[in-house]
Amino acid sequence: MKPKILITNDDGLYSLGLRASYEALKDLGEVYVVAPMIQRSGVGRSISIMTPIRMHRVRVNGMDVYAVDGTPTDAVIIGIYEVVGDVPDLVVSGINLGENLSTEAVTTSGTVCSALEGATQGSKAIAISLELPDHEKFEVFPKDFDFSLAKRVLRRIAEKVLRDGLPKGVDVLNVNVPSKAVDERIVVTRLARKMYRTRVEKRLDPRGREYYWIYGVEVENALEGTDIHALRRGFISVTPISVDLTANVDFQSIERWLNE
């Protein structure tokens, strides 16, 4: 039987990165595309448990897409249980417009978190992102970026995962492809601590009322061996992630500390 592959994203159904993923994987199995209707970057693993979710089947960029008016996590859950009808062999989230690096991405990125949802539901999962300048990451109608390397990388990793599964203890592969790669070698990395130096800017609206913009200044350098360090030097970064966020520490020592 052909493997079942669910493709999703957090950039919305019109994203050219979604089309690039479909083009890279469409002949590897039975492919389903289920994505949020609109741009939903930064919503993490948010799930719509207090509002109804609607879904429409549409034809976009040469693909049949199931458009979900919810979060990326909603799209994965609806995709698995209402579109595919079973846990797929592989969930692919991306290709995201903009890199997803560090511990911040694992908890805030809709791209990474939808892959984590796929893994939680029992599927092997890949999150893949393409490095872009910050001002181009969230455009509603972005220009047609060069996805050729990202497509080759995704195809290569997807074939490997479908054939051999994921390594023991790994639930998601978080893949980041540089905009200017030195070669096509893959470097396995750990998560850097932070991708952004957080900033808050206070402004006044036309009526004189205060409002705030939360933003961040990108970290250019990080410790050797991290995802940021590899990507900024032009290497393809793959970070193995587990859904088990339990700290790898001595539980007994913490119990003693708590009960002192």
Protein backbone atom coordinates (compact mmCIF):
# COMPACT_ATOMS: atom_id res chain seq x y z
CA MET A 1 0.00 0.00 0.00
CA LYS A 2 1.11 3.54 -0.68
CA PRO A 3 2.14 5.52 2.40
CA LYS A 4 -0.25 8.26 3.51
CA ILE A 5 1.29 11.73 3.80
CA LEU A 6 -0.40 14.74 5.38
CA ILE A 7 1.02 18.15 4.44
CA THR A 8 0.17 21.25 6.46
CA ASN A 9 1.66 24.62 7.43
CA ASP A 10 1.05 27.80 9.41
CA ASP A 11 1.39 30.28 6.51
CA GLY A 12 -2.03 29.44 5.07
CA LEU A 13 -3.36 27.66 2.02
CA TYR A 14 -1.98 30.22 -0.49
CA SER A 15 1.62 29.82 0.67
CA LEU A 16 4.09 29.00 -2.08
CA GLY A 17 5.96 26.92 0.49
CA LEU A 18 2.93 24.66 0.84
CA ARG A 19 2.91 24.14 -2.92
CA ALA A 20 6.65 23.42 -2.85
CA SER A 21 6.13 20.67 -0.26
CA TYR A 22 3.37 19.17 -2.36
CA GLU A 23 5.56 19.19 -5.47
CA ALA A 24 8.39 17.50 -3.57
CA LEU A 25 6.24 14.73 -2.11
CA LYS A 26 3.25 14.20 -4.43
CA ASP A 27 4.55 10.99 -5.97
CA LEU A 28 5.79 9.40 -2.73
CA GLY A 29 2.37 8.17 -1.67
CA GLU A 30 -1.22 9.19 -1.07
CA VAL A 31 -0.82 12.89 -0.31
CA TYR A 32 -3.37 15.06 1.52
CA VAL A 33 -3.01 18.84 1.95
CA VAL A 34 -4.82 20.34 4.94
CA ALA A 35 -3.90 23.89 5.94
CA PRO A 36 -5.21 26.94 7.78
CA MET A 37 -7.22 29.32 5.61
CA ILE A 38 -5.08 32.30 6.62
CA GLN A 39 -1.66 33.15 7.99
CA ARG A 40 -1.40 31.68 11.52
CA SER A 41 2.28 32.06 12.34
CA GLY A 42 3.27 32.25 15.99
CA VAL A 43 0.18 30.57 17.43
CA GLY A 44 2.19 27.60 18.71
CA ARG A 45 0.11 24.56 19.54
CA SER A 46 -3.10 26.51 20.07
CA ILE A 47 -6.24 24.45 19.55
CA SER A 48 -9.83 25.59 19.01
CA ILE A 49 -11.74 23.90 21.81
CA MET A 50 -14.21 26.74 22.44
CA THR A 51 -15.24 27.52 18.86
CA PRO A 52 -16.50 25.39 15.94
CA ILE A 53 -14.15 24.69 13.04
CA ARG A 54 -15.23 24.81 9.41
CA MET A 55 -13.46 23.20 6.48
CA HIS A 56 -13.74 23.74 2.71
CA ARG A 57 -12.17 21.80 -0.15
CA VAL A 58 -10.65 24.20 -2.68
CA ARG A 59 -8.31 24.16 -5.65
CA VAL A 60 -5.26 26.36 -5.04
CA ASN A 61 -1.91 26.53 -6.88
CA GLY A 62 -2.58 23.23 -8.65
CA MET A 63 -3.47 21.38 -5.44
CA ASP A 64 -6.66 20.13 -3.86
CA VAL A 65 -6.48 21.71 -0.42
CA TYR A 66 -8.70 21.24 2.60
CA ALA A 67 -8.85 24.74 4.07
CA VAL A 68 -9.48 24.86 7.82
CA ASP A 69 -10.60 28.07 9.54
CA GLY A 70 -8.54 27.30 12.61
CA THR A 71 -5.00 26.88 13.84
CA PRO A 72 -2.25 24.66 12.43
CA THR A 73 -2.94 22.17 15.21
CA ASP A 74 -6.62 22.18 14.27
CA ALA A 75 -5.62 21.46 10.67
CA VAL A 76 -3.57 18.42 11.71
CA ILE A 77 -6.30 16.98 13.92
CA ILE A 78 -9.06 17.57 11.36
CA GLY A 79 -6.72 16.30 8.65
CA ILE A 80 -5.98 13.05 10.44
CA TYR A 81 -9.46 12.17 11.65
CA GLU A 82 -11.72 13.67 8.97
CA VAL A 83 -9.66 13.84 5.77
CA VAL A 84 -7.13 10.98 5.92
CA GLY A 85 -9.35 8.94 8.22
CA ASP A 86 -6.42 7.42 10.08
CA VAL A 87 -3.00 8.33 11.42
CA PRO A 88 -0.81 8.95 8.34
CA ASP A 89 2.62 7.48 7.86
CA LEU A 90 4.12 10.97 7.73
CA VAL A 91 3.08 14.51 8.66
CA VAL A 92 5.04 17.30 6.97
CA SER A 93 4.66 20.90 8.10
CA GLY A 94 6.04 23.58 5.77
CA ILE A 95 7.93 24.63 3.79
CA ASN A 96 7.68 27.61 6.11
CA LEU A 97 8.56 31.11 4.92
CA GLY A 98 11.26 31.91 7.43
CA GLU A 99 13.52 29.83 9.63
CA ASN A 100 12.30 28.22 12.88
CA LEU A 101 15.23 28.02 15.27
CA SER A 102 15.88 27.68 18.99
CA THR A 103 13.68 26.74 21.93
CA GLU A 104 11.46 29.70 21.07
CA ALA A 105 10.40 28.10 17.79
CA VAL A 106 9.54 24.78 19.41
CA THR A 107 6.95 26.45 21.65
CA THR A 108 5.67 29.30 19.44
CA SER A 109 5.99 28.24 15.80
CA GLY A 110 2.81 26.89 14.23
CA THR A 111 5.05 25.02 11.79
CA VAL A 112 6.96 23.09 14.45
CA CYS A 113 3.95 22.68 16.73
CA SER A 114 1.74 21.20 14.01
CA ALA A 115 4.48 18.63 13.41
CA LEU A 116 4.53 17.96 17.16
CA GLU A 117 0.76 17.44 17.04
CA GLY A 118 1.21 14.94 14.24
CA ALA A 119 3.78 13.08 16.33
CA THR A 120 1.52 13.14 19.37
CA GLN A 121 -1.20 11.52 17.29
CA GLY A 122 1.20 8.72 16.34
CA SER A 123 2.68 9.82 13.02
CA LYS A 124 6.29 10.36 12.06
CA ALA A 125 6.74 14.08 11.52
CA ILE A 126 8.95 16.64 9.78
CA ALA A 127 8.88 20.43 10.15
CA ILE A 128 10.78 22.27 7.42
CA SER A 129 11.55 25.98 7.05
CA LEU A 130 13.44 28.17 4.60
CA GLU A 131 15.61 31.01 5.89
CA LEU A 132 14.37 34.42 4.74
CA PRO A 133 15.01 38.07 5.63
CA ASP A 134 12.79 39.11 8.53
CA HIS A 135 10.77 41.61 6.48
CA GLU A 136 9.74 38.91 3.97
CA LYS A 137 8.51 36.23 6.38
CA PHE A 138 4.90 37.26 6.89
CA GLU A 139 3.86 38.78 3.58
CA VAL A 140 0.31 37.91 2.46
CA PHE A 141 1.43 37.71 -1.18
CA PRO A 142 5.16 36.95 -1.06
CA LYS A 143 7.36 36.74 -4.10
CA ASP A 144 8.22 33.35 -5.56
CA PHE A 145 11.26 32.33 -3.53
CA ASP A 146 13.72 29.67 -4.66
CA PHE A 147 12.50 26.49 -2.97
CA SER A 148 14.65 24.14 -5.05
CA LEU A 149 17.13 23.21 -2.31
CA ALA A 150 14.43 22.97 0.36
CA LYS A 151 12.41 20.65 -1.90
CA ARG A 152 15.41 18.39 -2.48
CA VAL A 153 16.17 18.27 1.24
CA LEU A 154 12.55 17.52 2.12
CA ARG A 155 12.32 14.80 -0.50
CA ARG A 156 15.56 13.20 0.71
CA ILE A 157 14.54 13.21 4.38
CA ALA A 158 10.95 12.11 3.71
CA GLU A 159 12.14 9.13 1.66
CA LYS A 160 14.51 8.15 4.48
CA VAL A 161 11.83 8.46 7.18
CA LEU A 162 9.21 6.56 5.16
CA ARG A 163 11.71 3.79 4.46
CA ASP A 164 13.47 3.49 7.83
CA GLY A 165 11.34 5.38 10.34
CA LEU A 166 12.75 7.89 12.82
CA PRO A 167 15.69 7.17 15.12
CA LYS A 168 14.81 5.88 18.58
CA GLY A 169 13.69 8.67 20.90
CA VAL A 170 13.00 11.11 18.06
CA ASP A 171 9.44 12.26 17.30
CA VAL A 172 10.02 15.24 14.98
CA LEU A 173 12.84 16.39 12.72
CA ASN A 174 13.01 20.19 12.66
CA VAL A 175 14.69 21.08 9.36
CA ASN A 176 16.01 24.56 8.53
CA VAL A 177 17.37 25.30 5.08
CA PRO A 178 19.70 28.31 4.59
CA SER A 179 18.95 30.88 1.92
CA LYS A 180 22.56 30.61 0.73
CA ALA A 181 23.86 27.12 1.38
CA VAL A 182 27.55 26.30 1.19
CA ASP A 183 26.64 22.75 0.11
CA GLU A 184 23.88 20.19 0.64
CA ARG A 185 25.43 18.50 3.65
CA ILE A 186 23.09 18.10 6.64
CA VAL A 187 24.29 19.02 10.13
CA VAL A 188 22.48 17.55 13.12
CA THR A 189 22.11 20.24 15.77
CA ARG A 190 20.61 21.03 19.15
CA LEU A 191 18.27 23.91 19.84
CA ALA A 192 19.84 27.25 20.62
CA ARG A 193 18.42 29.01 23.67
CA LYS A 194 16.97 32.06 21.90
CA MET A 195 16.55 33.29 18.35
CA TYR A 196 15.40 36.80 19.24
CA ARG A 197 16.32 39.44 21.78
CA THR A 198 12.81 40.41 22.84
CA ARG A 199 11.73 44.03 22.56
CA VAL A 200 8.49 45.92 23.34
CA GLU A 201 7.70 49.21 21.63
CA LYS A 202 5.04 51.53 23.06
CA ARG A 203 3.16 53.81 20.65
CA LEU A 204 0.12 56.07 20.63
CA ASP A 205 -2.89 55.59 18.38
CA PRO A 206 -4.62 58.60 16.68
CA ARG A 207 -6.77 59.09 19.79
CA GLY A 208 -3.77 59.23 22.10
CA ARG A 209 -4.23 55.79 23.62
CA GLU A 210 -1.25 53.56 24.27
CA TYR A 211 -0.66 50.32 22.42
CA TYR A 212 2.30 47.96 22.12
CA TRP A 213 4.25 46.02 19.50
CA ILE A 214 6.11 42.92 20.68
CA TYR A 215 9.02 42.11 18.39
CA GLY A 216 12.56 40.81 18.50
CA VAL A 217 16.03 41.49 17.15
CA GLU A 218 17.48 38.37 15.55
CA VAL A 219 20.44 36.66 17.18
CA GLU A 220 23.16 36.28 14.59
CA ASN A 221 25.52 34.02 16.53
CA ALA A 222 25.01 31.15 18.92
CA LEU A 223 27.01 28.34 20.48
CA GLU A 224 28.69 25.87 18.16
CA GLY A 225 26.54 22.81 17.60
CA THR A 226 23.24 24.71 17.73
CA ASP A 227 20.74 25.21 14.93
CA ILE A 228 21.38 28.96 14.71
CA HIS A 229 25.14 28.44 14.50
CA ALA A 230 24.78 25.95 11.63
CA LEU A 231 22.20 27.88 9.60
CA ARG A 232 23.98 31.22 9.84
CA ARG A 233 27.05 29.54 8.37
CA GLY A 234 25.16 28.18 5.40
CA PHE A 235 24.55 24.61 6.55
CA ILE A 236 21.28 22.66 6.51
CA SER A 237 20.27 22.16 10.13
CA VAL A 238 18.24 19.17 11.34
CA THR A 239 17.31 19.12 15.02
CA PRO A 240 15.81 15.92 16.46
CA ILE A 241 12.95 16.75 18.83
CA SER A 242 10.99 14.69 21.33
CA VAL A 243 7.45 15.45 22.45
CA ASP A 244 8.52 14.52 25.98
CA LEU A 245 9.66 17.84 27.46
CA THR A 246 10.52 16.31 30.83
CA ALA A 247 13.89 17.60 32.03
CA ASN A 248 16.67 15.00 31.97
CA VAL A 249 17.57 15.35 35.65
CA ASP A 250 17.76 13.31 38.83
CA PHE A 251 14.17 13.21 40.12
CA GLN A 252 15.23 12.15 43.61
CA SER A 253 17.47 15.16 44.04
CA ILE A 254 14.58 17.44 43.07
CA GLU A 255 12.29 15.66 45.52
CA ARG A 256 14.86 16.25 48.27
CA TRP A 257 15.16 19.90 47.23
CA LEU A 258 11.39 20.37 47.32
CA ASN A 259 11.02 18.70 50.69
CA GLU A 260 13.89 20.39 52.50
